[in-house]
C-alpha atoms as a PDB file:
ATOM      1  CA  MET A   1      27.206   6.403  13.754  1.00  0.00           C
ATOM      2  CA  LYS A   2      26.848   2.690  14.423  1.00  0.00           C
ATOM      3  CA  THR A   3      28.306  -0.507  13.075  1.00  0.00           C
ATOM      4  CA  ARG A   4      26.599  -2.933  10.746  1.00  0.00           C
ATOM      5  CA  LEU A   5      26.470  -5.379  13.634  1.00  0.00           C
ATOM      6  CA  CYS A   6      24.161  -3.085  15.610  1.00  0.00           C
ATOM      7  CA  LEU A   7      21.888  -2.665  12.598  1.00  0.00           C
ATOM      8  CA  LEU A   8      21.593  -6.381  12.078  1.00  0.00           C
ATOM      9  CA  ALA A   9      20.966  -6.967  15.768  1.00  0.00           C
ATOM     10  CA  LEU A  10      17.842  -4.845  15.703  1.00  0.00           C
ATOM     11  CA  ALA A  11      16.780  -5.449  12.117  1.00  0.00           C
ATOM     12  CA  GLY A  12      14.567  -8.358  13.063  1.00  0.00           C
ATOM     13  CA  ALA A  13      12.774  -6.547  15.844  1.00  0.00           C
ATOM     14  CA  PHE A  14       9.986  -5.293  13.559  1.00  0.00           C
ATOM     15  CA  THR A  15       8.253  -6.313  10.377  1.00  0.00           C
ATOM     16  CA  SER A  16       7.801  -3.808   7.585  1.00  0.00           C
ATOM     17  CA  GLY A  17       4.959  -1.321   7.724  1.00  0.00           C
ATOM     18  CA  SER A  18       3.758   0.873  10.572  1.00  0.00           C
ATOM     19  CA  LEU A  19       2.743  -1.007  13.691  1.00  0.00           C
ATOM     20  CA  LEU A  20       0.324   0.772  15.997  1.00  0.00           C
ATOM     21  CA  PHE A  21       0.067  -0.761  19.452  1.00  0.00           C
ATOM     22  CA  ALA A  22      -2.085   1.948  20.970  1.00  0.00           C
ATOM     23  CA  ALA A  23      -5.718   2.804  20.371  1.00  0.00           C
ATOM     24  CA  GLU A  24      -4.525   6.294  19.466  1.00  0.00           C
ATOM     25  CA  SER A  25      -1.227   7.038  17.738  1.00  0.00           C
ATOM     26  CA  ILE A  26       1.167   9.644  19.117  1.00  0.00           C
ATOM     27  CA  VAL A  27       1.055  11.224  15.634  1.00  0.00           C
ATOM     28  CA  ALA A  28      -1.199  14.261  15.206  1.00  0.00           C
ATOM     29  CA  PRO A  29      -4.327  13.662  13.069  1.00  0.00           C
ATOM     30  CA  GLY A  30      -3.484  13.865   9.388  1.00  0.00           C
ATOM     31  CA  ALA A  31       0.245  14.355  10.013  1.00  0.00           C
ATOM     32  CA  LYS A  32       2.780  12.555   7.836  1.00  0.00           C
ATOM     33  CA  LEU A  33       6.500  12.081   8.107  1.00  0.00           C
ATOM     34  CA  GLU A  34       8.273  14.791   6.115  1.00  0.00           C
ATOM     35  CA  LYS A  35      11.847  14.715   4.869  1.00  0.00           C
ATOM     36  CA  LEU A  36      13.275  18.144   5.639  1.00  0.00           C
ATOM     37  CA  ALA A  37      16.783  17.651   4.281  1.00  0.00           C
ATOM     38  CA  GLY A  38      19.021  14.917   2.925  1.00  0.00           C
ATOM     39  CA  ASP A  39      22.356  14.054   1.330  1.00  0.00           C
ATOM     40  CA  PHE A  40      24.139  13.862   4.673  1.00  0.00           C
ATOM     41  CA  GLN A  41      26.623  11.118   5.428  1.00  0.00           C
ATOM     42  CA  PHE A  42      25.196  10.143   8.828  1.00  0.00           C
ATOM     43  CA  THR A  43      22.942  12.315  10.999  1.00  0.00           C
ATOM     44  CA  GLU A  44      22.868  12.152  14.799  1.00  0.00           C
ATOM     45  CA  GLY A  45      22.444  14.051  18.066  1.00  0.00           C
ATOM     46  CA  PRO A  46      19.322  16.236  17.595  1.00  0.00           C
ATOM     47  CA  THR A  47      18.505  18.596  20.451  1.00  0.00           C
ATOM     48  CA  ALA A  48      16.359  21.733  20.651  1.00  0.00           C
ATOM     49  CA  ASP A  49      17.148  25.047  22.307  1.00  0.00           C
ATOM     50  CA  ALA A  50      14.581  27.010  24.311  1.00  0.00           C
ATOM     51  CA  ALA A  51      13.197  28.662  21.177  1.00  0.00           C
ATOM     52  CA  GLY A  52      12.706  25.310  19.463  1.00  0.00           C
ATOM     53  CA  ASN A  53      15.585  25.495  16.967  1.00  0.00           C
ATOM     54  CA  VAL A  54      17.021  22.025  16.413  1.00  0.00           C
ATOM     55  CA  PHE A  55      20.752  21.340  16.319  1.00  0.00           C
ATOM     56  CA  PHE A  56      22.012  18.019  14.948  1.00  0.00           C
ATOM     57  CA  THR A  57      25.236  16.463  13.733  1.00  0.00           C
ATOM     58  CA  ASP A  58      26.557  15.004  10.512  1.00  0.00           C
ATOM     59  CA  GLN A  59      29.373  13.142  12.227  1.00  0.00           C
ATOM     60  CA  PRO A  60      31.453  11.823   9.290  1.00  0.00           C
ATOM     61  CA  ASN A  61      31.403  15.330   7.767  1.00  0.00           C
ATOM     62  CA  ASP A  62      32.444  16.793  11.135  1.00  0.00           C
ATOM     63  CA  ARG A  63      29.734  19.418  11.471  1.00  0.00           C
ATOM     64  CA  ILE A  64      26.868  20.577  13.654  1.00  0.00           C
ATOM     65  CA  LEU A  65      23.866  21.881  11.752  1.00  0.00           C
ATOM     66  CA  LYS A  66      20.923  24.030  12.818  1.00  0.00           C
ATOM     67  CA  TRP A  67      17.312  23.774  11.646  1.00  0.00           C
ATOM     68  CA  SER A  68      15.665  27.032  12.689  1.00  0.00           C
ATOM     69  CA  VAL A  69      12.030  27.435  13.739  1.00  0.00           C
ATOM     70  CA  ASP A  70      11.415  29.222  10.431  1.00  0.00           C
ATOM     71  CA  GLY A  71      12.568  26.158   8.498  1.00  0.00           C
ATOM     72  CA  LYS A  72      16.053  27.197   7.448  1.00  0.00           C
ATOM     73  CA  LEU A  73      19.069  24.883   7.512  1.00  0.00           C
ATOM     74  CA  SER A  74      22.532  26.242   8.272  1.00  0.00           C
ATOM     75  CA  THR A  75      25.897  25.016   9.453  1.00  0.00           C
ATOM     76  CA  PHE A  76      26.474  25.972  13.086  1.00  0.00           C
ATOM     77  CA  ALA A  77      29.991  24.592  13.506  1.00  0.00           C
ATOM     78  CA  GLN A  78      32.546  22.893  11.260  1.00  0.00           C
ATOM     79  CA  PRO A  79      34.857  21.313  12.292  1.00  0.00           C
ATOM     80  CA  ALA A  80      32.972  20.060  15.326  1.00  0.00           C
ATOM     81  CA  GLY A  81      35.145  17.430  17.003  1.00  0.00           C
ATOM     82  CA  ARG A  82      33.225  14.651  15.212  1.00  0.00           C
ATOM     83  CA  ALA A  83      30.272  15.457  17.477  1.00  0.00           C
ATOM     84  CA  ASN A  84      27.726  12.698  17.991  1.00  0.00           C
ATOM     85  CA  GLY A  85      25.029  12.871  20.693  1.00  0.00           C
ATOM     86  CA  MET A  86      24.154  16.315  22.084  1.00  0.00           C
ATOM     87  CA  CYS A  87      21.797  18.060  24.474  1.00  0.00           C
ATOM     88  CA  PHE A  88      21.126  21.511  25.883  1.00  0.00           C
ATOM     89  CA  ASP A  89      21.354  22.115  29.610  1.00  0.00           C
ATOM     90  CA  ALA A  90      19.101  24.406  31.675  1.00  0.00           C
ATOM     91  CA  GLN A  91      21.426  27.367  31.106  1.00  0.00           C
ATOM     92  CA  GLY A  92      21.266  27.063  27.330  1.00  0.00           C
ATOM     93  CA  ASN A  93      24.752  25.570  26.932  1.00  0.00           C
ATOM     94  CA  LEU A  94      25.138  22.977  24.198  1.00  0.00           C
ATOM     95  CA  LEU A  95      26.738  19.717  25.368  1.00  0.00           C
ATOM     96  CA  ALA A  96      28.322  17.553  22.705  1.00  0.00           C
ATOM     97  CA  CYS A  97      29.929  14.112  22.700  1.00  0.00           C
ATOM     98  CA  ALA A  98      32.937  14.912  20.528  1.00  0.00           C
ATOM     99  CA  ASP A  99      34.588  11.571  19.956  1.00  0.00           C
ATOM    100  CA  GLU A 100      37.376  12.733  17.633  1.00  0.00           C
ATOM    101  CA  LYS A 101      39.517  13.003  20.779  1.00  0.00           C
ATOM    102  CA  THR A 102      37.074  11.105  23.051  1.00  0.00           C
ATOM    103  CA  GLU A 103      35.879  14.344  24.664  1.00  0.00           C
ATOM    104  CA  LEU A 104      32.734  15.782  26.195  1.00  0.00           C
ATOM    105  CA  TRP A 105      32.289  19.431  25.155  1.00  0.00           C
ATOM    106  CA  LEU A 106      30.361  22.409  26.463  1.00  0.00           C
ATOM    107  CA  ILE A 107      29.597  25.167  23.946  1.00  0.00           C
ATOM    108  CA  PRO A 108      28.471  28.143  26.070  1.00  0.00           C
ATOM    109  CA  ALA A 109      25.074  29.734  25.522  1.00  0.00           C
ATOM    110  CA  ALA A 110      26.690  33.105  24.816  1.00  0.00           C
ATOM    111  CA  SER A 111      28.523  31.638  21.853  1.00  0.00           C
ATOM    112  CA  ILE A 112      25.240  30.307  20.482  1.00  0.00           C
ATOM    113  CA  ASP A 113      22.990  33.285  21.196  1.00  0.00           C
ATOM    114  CA  THR A 114      25.326  35.961  19.882  1.00  0.00           C
ATOM    115  CA  LYS A 115      26.294  33.967  16.793  1.00  0.00           C
ATOM    116  CA  SER A 116      29.904  34.687  17.667  1.00  0.00           C
ATOM    117  CA  VAL A 117      32.787  32.381  16.853  1.00  0.00           C
ATOM    118  CA  VAL A 118      31.916  29.000  18.317  1.00  0.00           C
ATOM    119  CA  VAL A 119      34.044  28.284  21.362  1.00  0.00           C
ATOM    120  CA  LYS A 120      34.069  25.164  23.467  1.00  0.00           C
ATOM    121  CA  GLU A 121      35.220  23.900  26.847  1.00  0.00           C
ATOM    122  CA  VAL A 122      36.404  20.309  27.212  1.00  0.00           C
ATOM    123  CA  LEU A 123      34.600  18.931  30.258  1.00  0.00           C
ATOM    124  CA  ALA A 124      35.946  15.378  30.169  1.00  0.00           C
ATOM    125  CA  ALA A 125      38.347  13.353  28.060  1.00  0.00           C
ATOM    126  CA  ARG A 126      39.971  10.811  30.373  1.00  0.00           C
ATOM    127  CA  TYR A 127      39.073   8.474  33.211  1.00  0.00           C
ATOM    128  CA  GLN A 128      41.785   7.182  35.540  1.00  0.00           C
ATOM    129  CA  ASP A 129      44.501   8.563  33.259  1.00  0.00           C
ATOM    130  CA  LYS A 130      43.214   6.758  30.178  1.00  0.00           C
ATOM    131  CA  MET A 131      41.271   8.145  27.237  1.00  0.00           C
ATOM    132  CA  LEU A 132      37.549   7.571  27.270  1.00  0.00           C
ATOM    133  CA  ASN A 133      36.286   5.090  24.687  1.00  0.00           C
ATOM    134  CA  GLY A 134      34.245   7.694  22.845  1.00  0.00           C
ATOM    135  CA  PRO A 135      31.423   9.641  24.565  1.00  0.00           C
ATOM    136  CA  ASN A 136      28.280   8.835  22.610  1.00  0.00           C
ATOM    137  CA  ASP A 137      25.182  10.378  24.188  1.00  0.00           C
ATOM    138  CA  VAL A 138      24.656  12.833  27.052  1.00  0.00           C
ATOM    139  CA  TRP A 139      21.854  14.043  29.318  1.00  0.00           C
ATOM    140  CA  ALA A 140      21.883  17.082  31.606  1.00  0.00           C
ATOM    141  CA  HIS A 141      20.376  16.530  35.069  1.00  0.00           C
ATOM    142  CA  PRO A 142      18.395  19.455  36.559  1.00  0.00           C
ATOM    143  CA  SER A 143      21.093  19.791  39.245  1.00  0.00           C
ATOM    144  CA  GLY A 144      23.708  20.625  36.615  1.00  0.00           C
ATOM    145  CA  SER A 145      25.448  17.255  36.672  1.00  0.00           C
ATOM    146  CA  LEU A 146      25.817  15.316  33.427  1.00  0.00           C
ATOM    147  CA  TYR A 147      25.361  11.646  32.582  1.00  0.00           C
ATOM    148  CA  PHE A 148      26.895  10.215  29.424  1.00  0.00           C
ATOM    149  CA  THR A 149      27.486   6.844  27.791  1.00  0.00           C
ATOM    150  CA  ASP A 150      30.933   5.724  26.650  1.00  0.00           C
ATOM    151  CA  PRO A 151      30.731   2.726  24.307  1.00  0.00           C
ATOM    152  CA  PHE A 152      33.464   1.761  21.870  1.00  0.00           C
ATOM    153  CA  TYR A 153      32.903   2.051  18.105  1.00  0.00           C
ATOM    154  CA  LYS A 154      36.104   2.060  16.076  1.00  0.00           C
ATOM    155  CA  ARG A 155      36.180   5.314  14.111  1.00  0.00           C
ATOM    156  CA  PRO A 156      38.003   5.767  10.779  1.00  0.00           C
ATOM    157  CA  TRP A 157      39.457   9.070  12.030  1.00  0.00           C
ATOM    158  CA  TRP A 158      41.259   7.422  14.956  1.00  0.00           C
ATOM    159  CA  THR A 159      44.882   6.319  14.900  1.00  0.00           C
ATOM    160  CA  TRP A 160      44.216   3.613  17.508  1.00  0.00           C
ATOM    161  CA  SER A 161      42.104   0.464  17.273  1.00  0.00           C
ATOM    162  CA  GLN A 162      42.005  -0.895  20.836  1.00  0.00           C
ATOM    163  CA  MET A 163      39.422   0.156  23.418  1.00  0.00           C
ATOM    164  CA  PRO A 164      41.162   2.569  25.846  1.00  0.00           C
ATOM    165  CA  GLN A 165      39.020   1.705  28.877  1.00  0.00           C
ATOM    166  CA  ASP A 166      38.544  -1.745  30.408  1.00  0.00           C
ATOM    167  CA  LYS A 167      34.759  -1.533  30.065  1.00  0.00           C
ATOM    168  CA  GLN A 168      32.005   0.304  28.226  1.00  0.00           C
ATOM    169  CA  CYS A 169      30.312   2.358  30.934  1.00  0.00           C
ATOM    170  CA  VAL A 170      28.045   5.196  31.943  1.00  0.00           C
ATOM    171  CA  TYR A 171      29.627   8.187  33.669  1.00  0.00           C
ATOM    172  CA  ARG A 172      28.460  11.098  35.794  1.00  0.00           C
ATOM    173  CA  LEU A 173      30.207  14.449  35.741  1.00  0.00           C
ATOM    174  CA  ALA A 174      29.416  16.453  38.875  1.00  0.00           C
ATOM    175  CA  ALA A 175      27.759  19.867  38.574  1.00  0.00           C
ATOM    176  CA  ASP A 176      31.089  21.588  39.267  1.00  0.00           C
ATOM    177  CA  HIS A 177      32.474  19.778  36.191  1.00  0.00           C
ATOM    178  CA  LYS A 178      35.421  18.512  38.240  1.00  0.00           C
ATOM    179  CA  THR A 179      34.563  15.003  39.438  1.00  0.00           C
ATOM    180  CA  LEU A 180      33.996  12.209  36.918  1.00  0.00           C
ATOM    181  CA  THR A 181      32.515   8.982  38.297  1.00  0.00           C
ATOM    182  CA  ARG A 182      31.547   5.652  36.774  1.00  0.00           C
ATOM    183  CA  VAL A 183      27.945   5.021  37.696  1.00  0.00           C
ATOM    184  CA  VAL A 184      27.166   1.944  35.544  1.00  0.00           C
ATOM    185  CA  ASP A 185      29.676  -0.738  34.537  1.00  0.00           C
ATOM    186  CA  SER A 186      27.366  -3.725  34.077  1.00  0.00           C
ATOM    187  CA  LEU A 187      26.139  -3.126  30.512  1.00  0.00           C
ATOM    188  CA  LYS A 188      27.485  -4.680  27.342  1.00  0.00           C
ATOM    189  CA  GLN A 189      27.375  -1.537  25.180  1.00  0.00           C
ATOM    190  CA  PRO A 190      25.511   1.475  26.619  1.00  0.00           C
ATOM    191  CA  ASN A 191      24.340   3.962  24.022  1.00  0.00           C
ATOM    192  CA  GLY A 192      21.179   6.115  24.236  1.00  0.00           C
ATOM    193  CA  ILE A 193      20.564   7.923  27.521  1.00  0.00           C
ATOM    194  CA  VAL A 194      17.882  10.256  28.883  1.00  0.00           C
ATOM    195  CA  GLY A 195      16.391  11.130  32.254  1.00  0.00           C
ATOM    196  CA  THR A 196      13.048  12.401  33.478  1.00  0.00           C
ATOM    197  CA  PRO A 197      12.452  16.146  33.986  1.00  0.00           C
ATOM    198  CA  ASP A 198      12.180  15.700  37.759  1.00  0.00           C
ATOM    199  CA  GLY A 199      15.701  14.266  37.820  1.00  0.00           C
ATOM    200  CA  LYS A 200      14.641  11.085  39.621  1.00  0.00           C
ATOM    201  CA  THR A 201      14.930   8.470  36.869  1.00  0.00           C
ATOM    202  CA  LEU A 202      17.567   7.670  34.250  1.00  0.00           C
ATOM    203  CA  PHE A 203      17.028   5.447  31.211  1.00  0.00           C
ATOM    204  CA  VAL A 204      20.027   3.819  29.528  1.00  0.00           C
ATOM    205  CA  ALA A 205      19.874   1.676  26.403  1.00  0.00           C
ATOM    206  CA  ASP A 206      22.226  -1.293  26.198  1.00  0.00           C
ATOM    207  CA  ILE A 207      22.296  -1.551  22.424  1.00  0.00           C
ATOM    208  CA  GLY A 208      24.729  -4.452  22.568  1.00  0.00           C
ATOM    209  CA  ALA A 209      22.316  -6.558  24.622  1.00  0.00           C
ATOM    210  CA  GLY A 210      19.125  -5.287  22.968  1.00  0.00           C
ATOM    211  CA  LYS A 211      17.657  -3.966  26.231  1.00  0.00           C
ATOM    212  CA  THR A 212      16.831  -0.665  27.915  1.00  0.00           C
ATOM    213  CA  TYR A 213      17.136  -0.198  31.678  1.00  0.00           C
ATOM    214  CA  ARG A 214      15.690   2.215  34.212  1.00  0.00           C
ATOM    215  CA  PHE A 215      17.678   3.492  37.210  1.00  0.00           C
ATOM    216  CA  ALA A 216      16.709   5.519  40.253  1.00  0.00           C
ATOM    217  CA  ILE A 217      18.913   8.589  40.631  1.00  0.00           C
ATOM    218  CA  GLN A 218      19.986   9.021  44.245  1.00  0.00           C
ATOM    219  CA  SER A 219      20.509  12.333  46.064  1.00  0.00           C
ATOM    220  CA  ASP A 220      24.284  12.004  45.656  1.00  0.00           C
ATOM    221  CA  GLY A 221      23.971  11.355  41.921  1.00  0.00           C
ATOM    222  CA  SER A 222      24.651   7.627  42.127  1.00  0.00           C
ATOM    223  CA  LEU A 223      22.272   5.141  40.532  1.00  0.00           C
ATOM    224  CA  ALA A 224      20.252   2.390  42.196  1.00  0.00           C
ATOM    225  CA  ASP A 225      17.419  -0.061  41.499  1.00  0.00           C
ATOM    226  CA  LYS A 226      18.494  -1.164  38.027  1.00  0.00           C
ATOM    227  CA  THR A 227      15.311  -2.449  36.358  1.00  0.00           C
ATOM    228  CA  LEU A 228      14.710  -3.851  32.886  1.00  0.00           C
ATOM    229  CA  PHE A 229      12.392  -1.384  31.158  1.00  0.00           C
ATOM    230  CA  CYS A 230      11.969  -3.108  27.798  1.00  0.00           C
ATOM    231  CA  GLU A 231      13.498  -5.778  25.584  1.00  0.00           C
ATOM    232  CA  LEU A 232      14.815  -3.341  22.998  1.00  0.00           C
ATOM    233  CA  GLY A 233      18.081  -1.464  22.744  1.00  0.00           C
ATOM    234  CA  SER A 234      18.346   1.979  21.227  1.00  0.00           C
ATOM    235  CA  ASP A 235      20.706   4.423  19.611  1.00  0.00           C
ATOM    236  CA  GLY A 236      19.119   7.659  20.876  1.00  0.00           C
ATOM    237  CA  MET A 237      16.183   8.360  23.182  1.00  0.00           C
ATOM    238  CA  THR A 238      13.739  11.083  24.166  1.00  0.00           C
ATOM    239  CA  ILE A 239      10.708  11.504  26.430  1.00  0.00           C
ATOM    240  CA  ASP A 240       7.403  13.260  25.845  1.00  0.00           C
ATOM    241  CA  ALA A 241       5.271  15.212  28.318  1.00  0.00           C
ATOM    242  CA  ASP A 242       3.140  12.122  29.003  1.00  0.00           C
ATOM    243  CA  GLY A 243       6.190  10.163  30.162  1.00  0.00           C
ATOM    244  CA  ASN A 244       6.402   7.977  27.057  1.00  0.00           C
ATOM    245  CA  LEU A 245       9.906   6.851  26.070  1.00  0.00           C
ATOM    246  CA  TYR A 246      10.978   6.940  22.406  1.00  0.00           C
ATOM    247  CA  LEU A 247      13.649   4.509  21.147  1.00  0.00           C
ATOM    248  CA  THR A 248      15.369   4.310  17.775  1.00  0.00           C
ATOM    249  CA  GLY A 249      16.934   1.743  15.481  1.00  0.00           C
ATOM    250  CA  ARG A 250      14.497   0.520  12.867  1.00  0.00           C
ATOM    251  CA  GLY A 251      12.298   3.608  12.884  1.00  0.00           C
ATOM    252  CA  VAL A 252      11.002   5.022  16.171  1.00  0.00           C
ATOM    253  CA  THR A 253       9.311   2.837  18.777  1.00  0.00           C
ATOM    254  CA  VAL A 254       7.319   4.355  21.636  1.00  0.00           C
ATOM    255  CA  PHE A 255       6.796   2.839  25.093  1.00  0.00           C
ATOM    256  CA  ASP A 256       4.564   4.059  27.888  1.00  0.00           C
ATOM    257  CA  GLN A 257       5.767   4.527  31.466  1.00  0.00           C
ATOM    258  CA  THR A 258       5.186   0.846  32.261  1.00  0.00           C
ATOM    259  CA  GLY A 259       7.391  -0.376  29.406  1.00  0.00           C
ATOM    260  CA  GLN A 260       4.429  -1.327  27.204  1.00  0.00           C
ATOM    261  CA  ARG A 261       5.023  -0.738  23.490  1.00  0.00           C
ATOM    262  CA  ILE A 262       2.322   1.638  22.266  1.00  0.00           C
ATOM    263  CA  ASP A 263       3.380   2.903  18.839  1.00  0.00           C
ATOM    264  CA  HIS A 264       5.897   2.535  16.024  1.00  0.00           C
ATOM    265  CA  LEU A 265       6.844   5.016  13.304  1.00  0.00           C
ATOM    266  CA  ASP A 266       8.455   3.794  10.117  1.00  0.00           C
ATOM    267  CA  VAL A 267      11.302   5.911   8.754  1.00  0.00           C
ATOM    268  CA  PRO A 268      12.481   5.245   5.164  1.00  0.00           C
ATOM    269  CA  GLU A 269      16.174   4.864   5.986  1.00  0.00           C
ATOM    270  CA  GLY A 270      18.356   1.911   6.905  1.00  0.00           C
ATOM    271  CA  TRP A 271      18.966   3.223  10.401  1.00  0.00           C
ATOM    272  CA  THR A 272      17.205   5.723  12.641  1.00  0.00           C
ATOM    273  CA  ALA A 273      19.794   7.144  15.009  1.00  0.00           C
ATOM    274  CA  ASN A 274      18.096   9.691  17.237  1.00  0.00           C
ATOM    275  CA  MET A 275      15.254  12.183  17.704  1.00  0.00           C
ATOM    276  CA  CYS A 276      14.081  15.126  19.775  1.00  0.00           C
ATOM    277  CA  PHE A 277      11.040  17.342  20.165  1.00  0.00           C
ATOM    278  CA  GLY A 278      11.437  20.837  18.761  1.00  0.00           C
ATOM    279  CA  GLY A 279       9.694  23.708  17.054  1.00  0.00           C
ATOM    280  CA  ALA A 280       8.161  26.682  18.826  1.00  0.00           C
ATOM    281  CA  ASP A 281       5.488  24.516  20.486  1.00  0.00           C
ATOM    282  CA  ARG A 282       7.727  21.430  20.954  1.00  0.00           C
ATOM    283  CA  GLN A 283       5.048  19.311  19.260  1.00  0.00           C
ATOM    284  CA  THR A 284       7.188  18.248  16.322  1.00  0.00           C
ATOM    285  CA  LEU A 285       9.361  15.155  16.541  1.00  0.00           C
ATOM    286  CA  PHE A 286      12.599  15.729  14.602  1.00  0.00           C
ATOM    287  CA  ILE A 287      14.369  12.539  13.537  1.00  0.00           C
ATOM    288  CA  THR A 288      17.932  11.950  12.377  1.00  0.00           C
ATOM    289  CA  ALA A 289      18.111   8.844  10.213  1.00  0.00           C
ATOM    290  CA  SER A 290      21.213   7.954   8.209  1.00  0.00           C
ATOM    291  CA  LYS A 291      21.397  10.385   5.291  1.00  0.00           C
ATOM    292  CA  GLY A 292      18.139  12.184   6.096  1.00  0.00           C
ATOM    293  CA  PHE A 293      16.577  14.638   8.544  1.00  0.00           C
ATOM    294  CA  TYR A 294      12.845  14.160   9.145  1.00  0.00           C
ATOM    295  CA  ALA A 295       9.960  15.617  11.126  1.00  0.00           C
ATOM    296  CA  ILE A 296       6.413  14.706  12.094  1.00  0.00           C
ATOM    297  CA  LYS A 297       3.775  16.553  14.104  1.00  0.00           C
ATOM    298  CA  THR A 298       2.598  14.762  17.263  1.00  0.00           C
ATOM    299  CA  ARG A 299      -0.384  14.865  19.602  1.00  0.00           C
ATOM    300  CA  THR A 300       1.883  15.512  22.561  1.00  0.00           C
ATOM    301  CA  HIS A 301       4.949  17.685  23.139  1.00  0.00           C
ATOM    302  CA  GLY A 302       8.427  17.118  24.481  1.00  0.00           C
ATOM    303  CA  ALA A 303       9.096  16.822  28.192  1.00  0.00           C
ATOM    304  CA  PHE A 304      12.014  19.273  28.121  1.00  0.00           C
ATOM    305  CA  LYS A 305      12.399  22.929  27.308  1.00  0.00           C
ATOM    306  CA  GLN A 306      16.101  23.497  27.833  1.00  0.00           C
ATOM    307  CA  GLY A 307      17.887  26.795  28.071  1.00  0.00           C
ATOM    308  CA  LYS A 308      16.837  30.294  29.003  1.00  0.00           C
END
């Protein structure tokens, strides 16, 4: 859930109507954007499990929802810690940025697979004895470590109004879930985050500056070689099997591995927050956009198949 300022900052990035920058769109022939569900307050955090079921959040209504591969919508968890960005790790655990208490959660795979009472483990909530600003988006590295962004967006459910940390940063939680380290402190307002399947590259969107950066992930988990990837910030991000990077804001904008803009998908909502590939074949792009939940079939498929 983002402020009006962020919306206005990106509103001028595109004109109305679909803009195709590639000779061939990433959309499958004949496919059209379909609205699967609506009447939410603000949708975010889509991520798919190994079977292709998509989990997403309706943050103001404090719930995590599930869109099953057979096209059924259900509530997975409510309350849900005001969950925002989410992702599955390689073990099938669901990671959630629960900013009600500025926490990073792990919901174990067993709790998901057995449909038992949803339990959670708080992985992180503080840095140097101060609350985090509000974990926003998270990505699981193949090694088991986690990278997450921690911008500050004043939430109506908070009793405080000042930013707890001195900066808005990117953090790494070691694979043992014990050591939390700042790995990026040079961005104005980091938001969307995703890495490559080989674990060598991390992309971080600085939505406050309207830019997205690429970092080389070192063997010790630190980041090096900060490089401007494109002149566009983003709320959420995902990657397809061809290495194309998908950014959100006003619709979905697609960039190839060189940072060249190759496609744009219009979404009929004021703000497009996030997206992921899901479905049994991972060839459907599921999009969370304000009050709606959308999907469109693509020519390619997602780069990740998380979980067992």
